[in-house]
């Protein structure tokens, strides 16, 4: 799978990229904010987007809406430490493929990637 990582924290981005590659997939682009995310999404057409919920500038929810406007079938996994039913419902209503809670284990990540394949 081709993956786009949208995460402002360099260490978290590195960790997720390492896990993606360890599982035999490819990170085709990385973005630190919403503007970069949409640009990379259009350019690289990834199979899945890993999207942090809290980013500088636009929120993950706003970016999700923009990605959906480009491709309504986009597969987006939201990564967040925030655990609130209201946010989960909003994300679900907007069509996220999954929500990955920080901190997560390698096994959690591996299971998620298998479900996306």
PDB file of N, CA and C in Angstrom:
ATOM      1  N   UNK A   1       0.831  -1.192   0.000  1.00  0.00           N
ATOM      2  CA  UNK A   1       0.000   0.000   0.000  1.00  0.00           C
ATOM      3  C   UNK A   1       0.867   1.243   0.000  1.00  0.00           C
ATOM      4  N   UNK A   2       0.376   2.271  -0.667  1.00  0.00           N
ATOM      5  CA  UNK A   2       1.029   3.577  -0.645  1.00  0.00           C
ATOM      6  C   UNK A   2       0.363   4.403   0.460  1.00  0.00           C
ATOM      7  N   UNK A   3       1.206   4.988   1.323  1.00  0.00           N
ATOM      8  CA  UNK A   3       0.713   5.692   2.508  1.00  0.00           C
ATOM      9  C   UNK A   3       1.169   7.148   2.500  1.00  0.00           C
ATOM     10  N   UNK A   4       0.258   8.039   2.874  1.00  0.00           N
ATOM     11  CA  UNK A   4       0.566   9.439   3.142  1.00  0.00           C
ATOM     12  C   UNK A   4       0.473   9.649   4.642  1.00  0.00           C
ATOM     13  N   UNK A   5       1.532  10.184   5.258  1.00  0.00           N
ATOM     14  CA  UNK A   5       1.528  10.482   6.687  1.00  0.00           C
ATOM     15  C   UNK A   5       1.318  11.971   6.884  1.00  0.00           C
ATOM     16  N   UNK A   6       0.322  12.330   7.673  1.00  0.00           N
ATOM     17  CA  UNK A   6       0.066  13.725   7.998  1.00  0.00           C
ATOM     18  C   UNK A   6       0.181  13.852   9.515  1.00  0.00           C
ATOM     19  N   UNK A   7       1.314  14.362   9.959  1.00  0.00           N
ATOM     20  CA  UNK A   7       1.635  14.425  11.387  1.00  0.00           C
ATOM     21  C   UNK A   7       2.661  15.535  11.586  1.00  0.00           C
ATOM     22  N   UNK A   8       2.416  16.425  12.548  1.00  0.00           N
ATOM     23  CA  UNK A   8       3.345  17.530  12.755  1.00  0.00           C
ATOM     24  C   UNK A   8       4.535  17.169  13.642  1.00  0.00           C
ATOM     25  N   UNK A   9       4.423  16.078  14.396  1.00  0.00           N
ATOM     26  CA  UNK A   9       5.511  15.665  15.279  1.00  0.00           C
ATOM     27  C   UNK A   9       6.464  14.747  14.516  1.00  0.00           C
ATOM     28  N   UNK A  10       7.721  15.190  14.370  1.00  0.00           N
ATOM     29  CA  UNK A  10       8.706  14.449  13.580  1.00  0.00           C
ATOM     30  C   UNK A  10       8.958  13.045  14.135  1.00  0.00           C
ATOM     31  N   UNK A  11       9.016  12.905  15.447  1.00  0.00           N
ATOM     32  CA  UNK A  11       9.267  11.595  16.048  1.00  0.00           C
ATOM     33  C   UNK A  11       8.109  10.631  15.777  1.00  0.00           C
ATOM     34  N   UNK A  12       6.888  11.117  15.923  1.00  0.00           N
ATOM     35  CA  UNK A  12       5.719  10.276  15.650  1.00  0.00           C
ATOM     36  C   UNK A  12       5.685   9.886  14.174  1.00  0.00           C
ATOM     37  N   UNK A  13       5.992  10.849  13.302  1.00  0.00           N
ATOM     38  CA  UNK A  13       6.041  10.570  11.860  1.00  0.00           C
ATOM     39  C   UNK A  13       7.075   9.491  11.559  1.00  0.00           C
ATOM     40  N   UNK A  14       8.249   9.616  12.145  1.00  0.00           N
ATOM     41  CA  UNK A  14       9.318   8.633  11.942  1.00  0.00           C
ATOM     42  C   UNK A  14       8.883   7.245  12.426  1.00  0.00           C
ATOM     43  N   UNK A  15       8.250   7.209  13.598  1.00  0.00           N
ATOM     44  CA  UNK A  15       7.804   5.937  14.168  1.00  0.00           C
ATOM     45  C   UNK A  15       6.790   5.257  13.259  1.00  0.00           C
ATOM     46  N   UNK A  16       5.796   6.004  12.818  1.00  0.00           N
ATOM     47  CA  UNK A  16       4.761   5.429  11.952  1.00  0.00           C
ATOM     48  C   UNK A  16       5.359   4.995  10.615  1.00  0.00           C
ATOM     49  N   UNK A  17       6.236   5.817  10.065  1.00  0.00           N
ATOM     50  CA  UNK A  17       6.886   5.458   8.798  1.00  0.00           C
ATOM     51  C   UNK A  17       7.652   4.145   8.958  1.00  0.00           C
ATOM     52  N   UNK A  18       8.377   4.004  10.046  1.00  0.00           N
ATOM     53  CA  UNK A  18       9.136   2.780  10.300  1.00  0.00           C
ATOM     54  C   UNK A  18       8.216   1.564  10.376  1.00  0.00           C
ATOM     55  N   UNK A  19       7.078   1.715  11.052  1.00  0.00           N
ATOM     56  CA  UNK A  19       6.126   0.615  11.175  1.00  0.00           C
ATOM     57  C   UNK A  19       5.522   0.252   9.818  1.00  0.00           C
ATOM     58  N   UNK A  20       5.162   1.266   9.051  1.00  0.00           N
ATOM     59  CA  UNK A  20       4.592   1.034   7.710  1.00  0.00           C
ATOM     60  C   UNK A  20       5.582   0.240   6.863  1.00  0.00           C
ATOM     61  N   UNK A  21       6.838   0.689   6.868  1.00  0.00           N
ATOM     62  CA  UNK A  21       7.859   0.036   6.053  1.00  0.00           C
ATOM     63  C   UNK A  21       8.176  -1.367   6.568  1.00  0.00           C
ATOM     64  N   UNK A  22       8.172  -1.544   7.886  1.00  0.00           N
ATOM     65  CA  UNK A  22       8.432  -2.857   8.474  1.00  0.00           C
ATOM     66  C   UNK A  22       7.382  -3.871   8.012  1.00  0.00           C
ATOM     67  N   UNK A  23       6.172  -3.390   7.771  1.00  0.00           N
ATOM     68  CA  UNK A  23       5.085  -4.265   7.325  1.00  0.00           C
ATOM     69  C   UNK A  23       5.024  -4.389   5.801  1.00  0.00           C
ATOM     70  N   UNK A  24       6.038  -3.841   5.120  1.00  0.00           N
ATOM     71  CA  UNK A  24       6.149  -4.031   3.679  1.00  0.00           C
ATOM     72  C   UNK A  24       5.392  -3.032   2.821  1.00  0.00           C
ATOM     73  N   UNK A  25       4.989  -1.922   3.407  1.00  0.00           N
ATOM     74  CA  UNK A  25       4.271  -0.892   2.651  1.00  0.00           C
ATOM     75  C   UNK A  25       5.187   0.309   2.422  1.00  0.00           C
ATOM     76  N   UNK A  26       4.729   1.274   1.650  1.00  0.00           N
ATOM     77  CA  UNK A  26       5.563   2.403   1.264  1.00  0.00           C
ATOM     78  C   UNK A  26       4.930   3.727   1.695  1.00  0.00           C
ATOM     79  N   UNK A  27       5.719   4.561   2.350  1.00  0.00           N
ATOM     80  CA  UNK A  27       5.287   5.920   2.649  1.00  0.00           C
ATOM     81  C   UNK A  27       5.698   6.763   1.440  1.00  0.00           C
ATOM     82  N   UNK A  28       4.705   7.223   0.685  1.00  0.00           N
ATOM     83  CA  UNK A  28       4.992   7.970  -0.548  1.00  0.00           C
ATOM     84  C   UNK A  28       5.167   9.458  -0.299  1.00  0.00           C
ATOM     85  N   UNK A  29       4.643   9.946   0.843  1.00  0.00           N
ATOM     86  CA  UNK A  29       4.789  11.365   1.166  1.00  0.00           C
ATOM     87  C   UNK A  29       4.493  11.589   2.641  1.00  0.00           C
ATOM     88  N   UNK A  30       5.042  12.697   3.156  1.00  0.00           N
ATOM     89  CA  UNK A  30       4.805  13.112   4.527  1.00  0.00           C
ATOM     90  C   UNK A  30       4.418  14.584   4.521  1.00  0.00           C
ATOM     91  N   UNK A  31       3.486  14.945   5.387  1.00  0.00           N
ATOM     92  CA  UNK A  31       3.044  16.335   5.493  1.00  0.00           C
ATOM     93  C   UNK A  31       2.935  16.716   6.960  1.00  0.00           C
ATOM     94  N   UNK A  32       3.210  17.984   7.247  1.00  0.00           N
ATOM     95  CA  UNK A  32       3.157  18.481   8.617  1.00  0.00           C
ATOM     96  C   UNK A  32       1.931  19.342   8.890  1.00  0.00           C
ATOM     97  N   UNK A  33       1.175  19.686   7.833  1.00  0.00           N
ATOM     98  CA  UNK A  33       0.000  20.537   8.017  1.00  0.00           C
ATOM     99  C   UNK A  33      -1.022  20.246   6.916  1.00  0.00           C
ATOM    100  N   UNK A  34      -2.162  20.896   7.029  1.00  0.00           N
ATOM    101  CA  UNK A  34      -3.259  20.628   6.109  1.00  0.00           C
ATOM    102  C   UNK A  34      -2.980  20.987   4.670  1.00  0.00           C
ATOM    103  N   UNK A  35      -2.331  22.107   4.459  1.00  0.00           N
ATOM    104  CA  UNK A  35      -2.034  22.541   3.096  1.00  0.00           C
ATOM    105  C   UNK A  35      -1.141  21.519   2.387  1.00  0.00           C
ATOM    106  N   UNK A  36      -0.085  21.081   3.085  1.00  0.00           N
ATOM    107  CA  UNK A  36       0.805  20.064   2.526  1.00  0.00           C
ATOM    108  C   UNK A  36       0.052  18.753   2.312  1.00  0.00           C
ATOM    109  N   UNK A  37      -0.824  18.412   3.252  1.00  0.00           N
ATOM    110  CA  UNK A  37      -1.556  17.147   3.186  1.00  0.00           C
ATOM    111  C   UNK A  37      -2.394  17.059   1.913  1.00  0.00           C
ATOM    112  N   UNK A  38      -3.156  18.096   1.631  1.00  0.00           N
ATOM    113  CA  UNK A  38      -4.033  18.076   0.456  1.00  0.00           C
ATOM    114  C   UNK A  38      -3.198  18.061  -0.818  1.00  0.00           C
ATOM    115  N   UNK A  39      -2.118  18.840  -0.842  1.00  0.00           N
ATOM    116  CA  UNK A  39      -1.230  18.866  -2.008  1.00  0.00           C
ATOM    117  C   UNK A  39      -0.636  17.473  -2.258  1.00  0.00           C
ATOM    118  N   UNK A  40      -0.121  16.844  -1.217  1.00  0.00           N
ATOM    119  CA  UNK A  40       0.470  15.502  -1.350  1.00  0.00           C
ATOM    120  C   UNK A  40      -0.587  14.466  -1.749  1.00  0.00           C
ATOM    121  N   UNK A  41      -1.786  14.605  -1.202  1.00  0.00           N
ATOM    122  CA  UNK A  41      -2.870  13.676  -1.525  1.00  0.00           C
ATOM    123  C   UNK A  41      -3.186  13.726  -3.017  1.00  0.00           C
ATOM    124  N   UNK A  42      -3.277  14.943  -3.551  1.00  0.00           N
ATOM    125  CA  UNK A  42      -3.564  15.104  -4.976  1.00  0.00           C
ATOM    126  C   UNK A  42      -2.417  14.557  -5.835  1.00  0.00           C
ATOM    127  N   UNK A  43      -1.188  14.835  -5.417  1.00  0.00           N
ATOM    128  CA  UNK A  43      -0.026  14.461  -6.214  1.00  0.00           C
ATOM    129  C   UNK A  43       0.275  12.963  -6.176  1.00  0.00           C
ATOM    130  N   UNK A  44       0.227  12.350  -4.990  1.00  0.00           N
ATOM    131  CA  UNK A  44       0.684  10.972  -4.834  1.00  0.00           C
ATOM    132  C   UNK A  44      -0.430   9.926  -4.856  1.00  0.00           C
ATOM    133  N   UNK A  45      -1.678  10.368  -4.695  1.00  0.00           N
ATOM    134  CA  UNK A  45      -2.826   9.455  -4.717  1.00  0.00           C
ATOM    135  C   UNK A  45      -2.584   8.197  -3.867  1.00  0.00           C
ATOM    136  N   UNK A  46      -2.377   8.383  -2.566  1.00  0.00           N
ATOM    137  CA  UNK A  46      -2.082   7.236  -1.698  1.00  0.00           C
ATOM    138  C   UNK A  46      -3.288   6.327  -1.527  1.00  0.00           C
ATOM    139  N   UNK A  47      -2.998   5.084  -1.131  1.00  0.00           N
ATOM    140  CA  UNK A  47      -4.062   4.124  -0.850  1.00  0.00           C
ATOM    141  C   UNK A  47      -4.711   4.412   0.495  1.00  0.00           C
ATOM    142  N   UNK A  48      -3.923   4.961   1.407  1.00  0.00           N
ATOM    143  CA  UNK A  48      -4.432   5.283   2.740  1.00  0.00           C
ATOM    144  C   UNK A  48      -3.675   6.498   3.280  1.00  0.00           C
ATOM    145  N   UNK A  49      -4.387   7.299   4.074  1.00  0.00           N
ATOM    146  CA  UNK A  49      -3.807   8.474   4.714  1.00  0.00           C
ATOM    147  C   UNK A  49      -3.869   8.270   6.224  1.00  0.00           C
ATOM    148  N   UNK A  50      -2.736   8.440   6.886  1.00  0.00           N
ATOM    149  CA  UNK A  50      -2.703   8.481   8.344  1.00  0.00           C
ATOM    150  C   UNK A  50      -2.689   9.952   8.723  1.00  0.00           C
ATOM    151  N   UNK A  51      -3.736  10.397   9.406  1.00  0.00           N
ATOM    152  CA  UNK A  51      -3.974  11.811   9.652  1.00  0.00           C
ATOM    153  C   UNK A  51      -4.073  12.105  11.147  1.00  0.00           C
ATOM    154  N   UNK A  52      -3.157  12.931  11.644  1.00  0.00           N
ATOM    155  CA  UNK A  52      -3.223  13.368  13.033  1.00  0.00           C
ATOM    156  C   UNK A  52      -4.440  14.283  13.186  1.00  0.00           C
ATOM    157  N   UNK A  53      -5.089  14.220  14.321  1.00  0.00           N
ATOM    158  CA  UNK A  53      -6.289  15.023  14.547  1.00  0.00           C
ATOM    159  C   UNK A  53      -5.948  16.470  14.888  1.00  0.00           C
ATOM    160  N   UNK A  54      -4.852  16.670  15.632  1.00  0.00           N
ATOM    161  CA  UNK A  54      -4.485  18.016  16.073  1.00  0.00           C
ATOM    162  C   UNK A  54      -3.218  18.441  15.340  1.00  0.00           C
ATOM    163  N   UNK A  55      -3.378  19.423  14.454  1.00  0.00           N
ATOM    164  CA  UNK A  55      -2.289  19.930  13.632  1.00  0.00           C
ATOM    165  C   UNK A  55      -2.280  21.452  13.664  1.00  0.00           C
ATOM    166  N   UNK A  56      -1.146  22.071  13.340  1.00  0.00           N
ATOM    167  CA  UNK A  56      -1.133  23.534  13.260  1.00  0.00           C
ATOM    168  C   UNK A  56      -1.981  24.008  12.075  1.00  0.00           C
ATOM    169  N   UNK A  57      -2.662  25.113  12.244  1.00  0.00           N
ATOM    170  CA  UNK A  57      -3.502  25.644  11.167  1.00  0.00           C
ATOM    171  C   UNK A  57      -4.861  24.976  11.165  1.00  0.00           C
ATOM    172  N   UNK A  58      -5.049  24.026  10.267  1.00  0.00           N
ATOM    173  CA  UNK A  58      -6.321  23.321  10.148  1.00  0.00           C
ATOM    174  C   UNK A  58      -6.337  22.088  11.039  1.00  0.00           C
ATOM    175  N   UNK A  59      -7.523  21.735  11.501  1.00  0.00           N
ATOM    176  CA  UNK A  59      -7.667  20.512  12.296  1.00  0.00           C
ATOM    177  C   UNK A  59      -7.725  19.306  11.370  1.00  0.00           C
ATOM    178  N   UNK A  60      -7.525  18.136  11.943  1.00  0.00           N
ATOM    179  CA  UNK A  60      -7.643  16.905  11.186  1.00  0.00           C
ATOM    180  C   UNK A  60      -9.028  16.740  10.569  1.00  0.00           C
ATOM    181  N   UNK A  61     -10.052  17.203  11.270  1.00  0.00           N
ATOM    182  CA  UNK A  61     -11.422  17.107  10.751  1.00  0.00           C
ATOM    183  C   UNK A  61     -11.561  17.955   9.482  1.00  0.00           C
ATOM    184  N   UNK A  62     -11.003  19.174   9.506  1.00  0.00           N
ATOM    185  CA  UNK A  62     -11.064  20.037   8.317  1.00  0.00           C
ATOM    186  C   UNK A  62     -10.295  19.418   7.150  1.00  0.00           C
ATOM    187  N   UNK A  63      -9.143  18.843   7.450  1.00  0.00           N
ATOM    188  CA  UNK A  63      -8.341  18.202   6.403  1.00  0.00           C
ATOM    189  C   UNK A  63      -9.088  16.991   5.845  1.00  0.00           C
ATOM    190  N   UNK A  64      -9.696  16.217   6.722  1.00  0.00           N
ATOM    191  CA  UNK A  64     -10.493  15.064   6.290  1.00  0.00           C
ATOM    192  C   UNK A  64     -11.569  15.506   5.300  1.00  0.00           C
ATOM    193  N   UNK A  65     -12.257  16.599   5.610  1.00  0.00           N
ATOM    194  CA  UNK A  65     -13.295  17.106   4.708  1.00  0.00           C
ATOM    195  C   UNK A  65     -12.710  17.485   3.345  1.00  0.00           C
ATOM    196  N   UNK A  66     -11.526  18.109   3.349  1.00  0.00           N
ATOM    197  CA  UNK A  66     -10.889  18.493   2.086  1.00  0.00           C
ATOM    198  C   UNK A  66     -10.465  17.265   1.288  1.00  0.00           C
ATOM    199  N   UNK A  67      -9.925  16.256   1.967  1.00  0.00           N
ATOM    200  CA  UNK A  67      -9.529  15.034   1.273  1.00  0.00           C
ATOM    201  C   UNK A  67     -10.748  14.350   0.671  1.00  0.00           C
ATOM    202  N   UNK A  68     -11.841  14.317   1.404  1.00  0.00           N
ATOM    203  CA  UNK A  68     -13.085  13.714   0.913  1.00  0.00           C
ATOM    204  C   UNK A  68     -13.632  14.478  -0.294  1.00  0.00           C
ATOM    205  N   UNK A  69     -13.418  15.804  -0.325  1.00  0.00           N
ATOM    206  CA  UNK A  69     -13.867  16.596  -1.474  1.00  0.00           C
ATOM    207  C   UNK A  69     -13.066  16.227  -2.724  1.00  0.00           C
ATOM    208  N   UNK A  70     -11.788  15.906  -2.549  1.00  0.00           N
ATOM    209  CA  UNK A  70     -10.940  15.488  -3.667  1.00  0.00           C
ATOM    210  C   UNK A  70     -11.306  14.073  -4.100  1.00  0.00           C
ATOM    211  N   UNK A  71     -11.484  13.184  -3.118  1.00  0.00           N
ATOM    212  CA  UNK A  71     -11.810  11.786  -3.409  1.00  0.00           C
ATOM    213  C   UNK A  71     -12.742  11.254  -2.321  1.00  0.00           C
ATOM    214  N   UNK A  72     -14.032  11.159  -2.604  1.00  0.00           N
ATOM    215  CA  UNK A  72     -14.989  10.691  -1.599  1.00  0.00           C
ATOM    216  C   UNK A  72     -14.693   9.288  -1.070  1.00  0.00           C
ATOM    217  N   UNK A  73     -13.927   8.507  -1.814  1.00  0.00           N
ATOM    218  CA  UNK A  73     -13.604   7.141  -1.391  1.00  0.00           C
ATOM    219  C   UNK A  73     -12.264   7.051  -0.662  1.00  0.00           C
ATOM    220  N   UNK A  74     -11.642   8.184  -0.366  1.00  0.00           N
ATOM    221  CA  UNK A  74     -10.331   8.186   0.303  1.00  0.00           C
ATOM    222  C   UNK A  74     -10.396   7.411   1.607  1.00  0.00           C
ATOM    223  N   UNK A  75      -9.380   6.576   1.824  1.00  0.00           N
ATOM    224  CA  UNK A  75      -9.291   5.822   3.084  1.00  0.00           C
ATOM    225  C   UNK A  75      -8.392   6.601   4.026  1.00  0.00           C
ATOM    226  N   UNK A  76      -8.982   7.038   5.126  1.00  0.00           N
ATOM    227  CA  UNK A  76      -8.265   7.883   6.084  1.00  0.00           C
ATOM    228  C   UNK A  76      -8.337   7.257   7.467  1.00  0.00           C
ATOM    229  N   UNK A  77      -7.170   7.124   8.081  1.00  0.00           N
ATOM    230  CA  UNK A  77      -7.070   6.655   9.466  1.00  0.00           C
ATOM    231  C   UNK A  77      -6.660   7.848  10.307  1.00  0.00           C
ATOM    232  N   UNK A  78      -7.497   8.209  11.264  1.00  0.00           N
ATOM    233  CA  UNK A  78      -7.179   9.319  12.150  1.00  0.00           C
ATOM    234  C   UNK A  78      -6.362   8.792  13.321  1.00  0.00           C
ATOM    235  N   UNK A  79      -5.265   9.492  13.606  1.00  0.00           N
ATOM    236  CA  UNK A  79      -4.402   9.140  14.728  1.00  0.00           C
ATOM    237  C   UNK A  79      -4.571  10.225  15.780  1.00  0.00           C
ATOM    238  N   UNK A  80      -4.910   9.809  17.000  1.00  0.00           N
ATOM    239  CA  UNK A  80      -5.162  10.799  18.039  1.00  0.00           C
ATOM    240  C   UNK A  80      -4.976  10.224  19.433  1.00  0.00           C
ATOM    241  N   UNK A  81      -4.670  11.112  20.353  1.00  0.00           N
ATOM    242  CA  UNK A  81      -4.634  10.741  21.771  1.00  0.00           C
ATOM    243  C   UNK A  81      -5.949  11.139  22.427  1.00  0.00           C
ATOM    244  N   UNK A  82      -6.758  11.919  21.701  1.00  0.00           N
ATOM    245  CA  UNK A  82      -8.042  12.390  22.210  1.00  0.00           C
ATOM    246  C   UNK A  82      -9.045  11.240  22.181  1.00  0.00           C
ATOM    247  N   UNK A  83      -9.705  11.027  23.293  1.00  0.00           N
ATOM    248  CA  UNK A  83     -10.694   9.951  23.361  1.00  0.00           C
ATOM    249  C   UNK A  83     -12.015  10.525  23.856  1.00  0.00           C
ATOM    250  N   UNK A  84     -12.857  10.891  22.908  1.00  0.00           N
ATOM    251  CA  UNK A  84     -14.171  11.447  23.228  1.00  0.00           C
ATOM    252  C   UNK A  84     -15.184  10.899  22.237  1.00  0.00           C
ATOM    253  N   UNK A  85     -16.303  10.469  22.769  1.00  0.00           N
ATOM    254  CA  UNK A  85     -17.349   9.894  21.911  1.00  0.00           C
ATOM    255  C   UNK A  85     -17.826  10.881  20.854  1.00  0.00           C
ATOM    256  N   UNK A  86     -17.943  12.155  21.236  1.00  0.00           N
ATOM    257  CA  UNK A  86     -18.442  13.173  20.312  1.00  0.00           C
ATOM    258  C   UNK A  86     -17.514  13.301  19.090  1.00  0.00           C
ATOM    259  N   UNK A  87     -16.205  13.323  19.338  1.00  0.00           N
ATOM    260  CA  UNK A  87     -15.249  13.427  18.243  1.00  0.00           C
ATOM    261  C   UNK A  87     -15.283  12.158  17.397  1.00  0.00           C
ATOM    262  N   UNK A  88     -15.337  11.003  18.054  1.00  0.00           N
ATOM    263  CA  UNK A  88     -15.423   9.732  17.326  1.00  0.00           C
ATOM    264  C   UNK A  88     -16.644   9.713  16.416  1.00  0.00           C
ATOM    265  N   UNK A  89     -17.775  10.180  16.914  1.00  0.00           N
ATOM    266  CA  UNK A  89     -19.007  10.210  16.121  1.00  0.00           C
ATOM    267  C   UNK A  89     -18.841  11.124  14.912  1.00  0.00           C
ATOM    268  N   UNK A  90     -18.257  12.313  15.143  1.00  0.00           N
ATOM    269  CA  UNK A  90     -18.038  13.257  14.037  1.00  0.00           C
ATOM    270  C   UNK A  90     -17.149  12.639  12.963  1.00  0.00           C
ATOM    271  N   UNK A  91     -16.070  11.999  13.406  1.00  0.00           N
ATOM    272  CA  UNK A  91     -15.147  11.374  12.465  1.00  0.00           C
ATOM    273  C   UNK A  91     -15.829  10.237  11.711  1.00  0.00           C
ATOM    274  N   UNK A  92     -16.591   9.443  12.418  1.00  0.00           N
ATOM    275  CA  UNK A  92     -17.313   8.340  11.800  1.00  0.00           C
ATOM    276  C   UNK A  92     -18.304   8.865  10.762  1.00  0.00           C
ATOM    277  N   UNK A  93     -19.017   9.923  11.108  1.00  0.00           N
ATOM    278  CA  UNK A  93     -19.974  10.534  10.178  1.00  0.00           C
ATOM    279  C   UNK A  93     -19.284  11.049   8.914  1.00  0.00           C
ATOM    280  N   UNK A  94     -18.015  11.428   9.045  1.00  0.00           N
ATOM    281  CA  UNK A  94     -17.258  11.960   7.906  1.00  0.00           C
ATOM    282  C   UNK A  94     -16.534  10.856   7.138  1.00  0.00           C
ATOM    283  N   UNK A  95     -16.701   9.599   7.591  1.00  0.00           N
ATOM    284  CA  UNK A  95     -16.219   8.465   6.821  1.00  0.00           C
ATOM    285  C   UNK A  95     -14.798   8.002   7.073  1.00  0.00           C
ATOM    286  N   UNK A  96     -14.258   8.216   8.267  1.00  0.00           N
ATOM    287  CA  UNK A  96     -12.908   7.704   8.515  1.00  0.00           C
ATOM    288  C   UNK A  96     -12.924   6.175   8.454  1.00  0.00           C
ATOM    289  N   UNK A  97     -11.816   5.623   7.999  1.00  0.00           N
ATOM    290  CA  UNK A  97     -11.692   4.170   7.914  1.00  0.00           C
ATOM    291  C   UNK A  97     -11.452   3.557   9.275  1.00  0.00           C
ATOM    292  N   UNK A  98     -10.718   4.292  10.127  1.00  0.00           N
ATOM    293  CA  UNK A  98     -10.402   3.807  11.469  1.00  0.00           C
ATOM    294  C   UNK A  98      -9.851   4.957  12.307  1.00  0.00           C
ATOM    295  N   UNK A  99      -9.853   4.743  13.620  1.00  0.00           N
ATOM    296  CA  UNK A  99      -9.238   5.684  14.551  1.00  0.00           C
ATOM    297  C   UNK A  99      -8.178   4.902  15.313  1.00  0.00           C
ATOM    298  N   UNK A 100      -6.946   5.393  15.260  1.00  0.00           N
ATOM    299  CA  UNK A 100      -5.832   4.752  15.956  1.00  0.00           C
ATOM    300  C   UNK A 100      -5.448   5.636  17.134  1.00  0.00           C
ATOM    301  N   UNK A 101      -5.568   5.094  18.333  1.00  0.00           N
ATOM    302  CA  UNK A 101      -5.297   5.861  19.549  1.00  0.00           C
ATOM    303  C   UNK A 101      -3.824   5.806  19.942  1.00  0.00           C
ATOM    304  N   UNK A 102      -3.281   6.983  20.222  1.00  0.00           N
ATOM    305  CA  UNK A 102      -1.923   7.082  20.778  1.00  0.00           C
ATOM    306  C   UNK A 102      -2.020   6.877  22.280  1.00  0.00           C
ATOM    307  N   UNK A 103      -1.098   6.209  22.900  1.00  0.00           N
ATOM    308  CA  UNK A 103      -0.044   5.415  22.281  1.00  0.00           C
ATOM    309  C   UNK A 103      -0.613   4.078  21.810  1.00  0.00           C
ATOM    310  N   UNK A 104      -0.037   3.530  20.761  1.00  0.00           N
ATOM    311  CA  UNK A 104      -0.498   2.252  20.231  1.00  0.00           C
ATOM    312  C   UNK A 104       0.679   1.291  20.155  1.00  0.00           C
ATOM    313  N   UNK A 105       0.366   0.006  20.161  1.00  0.00           N
ATOM    314  CA  UNK A 105       1.405  -1.021  20.097  1.00  0.00           C
ATOM    315  C   UNK A 105       1.638  -1.420  18.641  1.00  0.00           C
ATOM    316  N   UNK A 106       2.730  -2.102  18.407  1.00  0.00           N
ATOM    317  CA  UNK A 106       3.013  -2.626  17.072  1.00  0.00           C
ATOM    318  C   UNK A 106       1.906  -3.578  16.644  1.00  0.00           C
ATOM    319  N   UNK A 107       1.421  -4.397  17.572  1.00  0.00           N
ATOM    320  CA  UNK A 107       0.358  -5.351  17.245  1.00  0.00           C
ATOM    321  C   UNK A 107      -0.923  -4.628  16.830  1.00  0.00           C
ATOM    322  N   UNK A 108      -1.268  -3.531  17.540  1.00  0.00           N
ATOM    323  CA  UNK A 108      -2.438  -2.732  17.164  1.00  0.00           C
ATOM    324  C   UNK A 108      -2.269  -2.207  15.739  1.00  0.00           C
ATOM    325  N   UNK A 109      -1.079  -1.694  15.456  1.00  0.00           N
ATOM    326  CA  UNK A 109      -0.794  -1.117  14.142  1.00  0.00           C
ATOM    327  C   UNK A 109      -0.846  -2.194  13.059  1.00  0.00           C
ATOM    328  N   UNK A 110      -0.251  -3.331  13.338  1.00  0.00           N
ATOM    329  CA  UNK A 110      -0.229  -4.452  12.396  1.00  0.00           C
ATOM    330  C   UNK A 110      -1.649  -4.913  12.071  1.00  0.00           C
ATOM    331  N   UNK A 111      -2.487  -5.046  13.097  1.00  0.00           N
ATOM    332  CA  UNK A 111      -3.882  -5.438  12.902  1.00  0.00           C
ATOM    333  C   UNK A 111      -4.617  -4.423  12.034  1.00  0.00           C
ATOM    334  N   UNK A 112      -4.384  -3.146  12.308  1.00  0.00           N
ATOM    335  CA  UNK A 112      -5.013  -2.078  11.521  1.00  0.00           C
ATOM    336  C   UNK A 112      -4.587  -2.174  10.068  1.00  0.00           C
ATOM    337  N   UNK A 113      -3.293  -2.325   9.821  1.00  0.00           N
ATOM    338  CA  UNK A 113      -2.807  -2.387   8.435  1.00  0.00           C
ATOM    339  C   UNK A 113      -3.400  -3.592   7.693  1.00  0.00           C
ATOM    340  N   UNK A 114      -3.524  -4.725   8.383  1.00  0.00           N
ATOM    341  CA  UNK A 114      -4.136  -5.904   7.751  1.00  0.00           C
ATOM    342  C   UNK A 114      -5.579  -5.611   7.369  1.00  0.00           C
ATOM    343  N   UNK A 115      -6.295  -4.876   8.217  1.00  0.00           N
ATOM    344  CA  UNK A 115      -7.703  -4.576   7.929  1.00  0.00           C
ATOM    345  C   UNK A 115      -7.846  -3.631   6.744  1.00  0.00           C
ATOM    346  N   UNK A 116      -6.813  -2.871   6.452  1.00  0.00           N
ATOM    347  CA  UNK A 116      -6.856  -1.921   5.330  1.00  0.00           C
ATOM    348  C   UNK A 116      -6.438  -2.544   4.006  1.00  0.00           C
ATOM    349  N   UNK A 117      -5.720  -3.673   4.083  1.00  0.00           N
ATOM    350  CA  UNK A 117      -5.173  -4.301   2.862  1.00  0.00           C
ATOM    351  C   UNK A 117      -6.254  -4.924   2.008  1.00  0.00           C
TER     352      UNK A 117
END
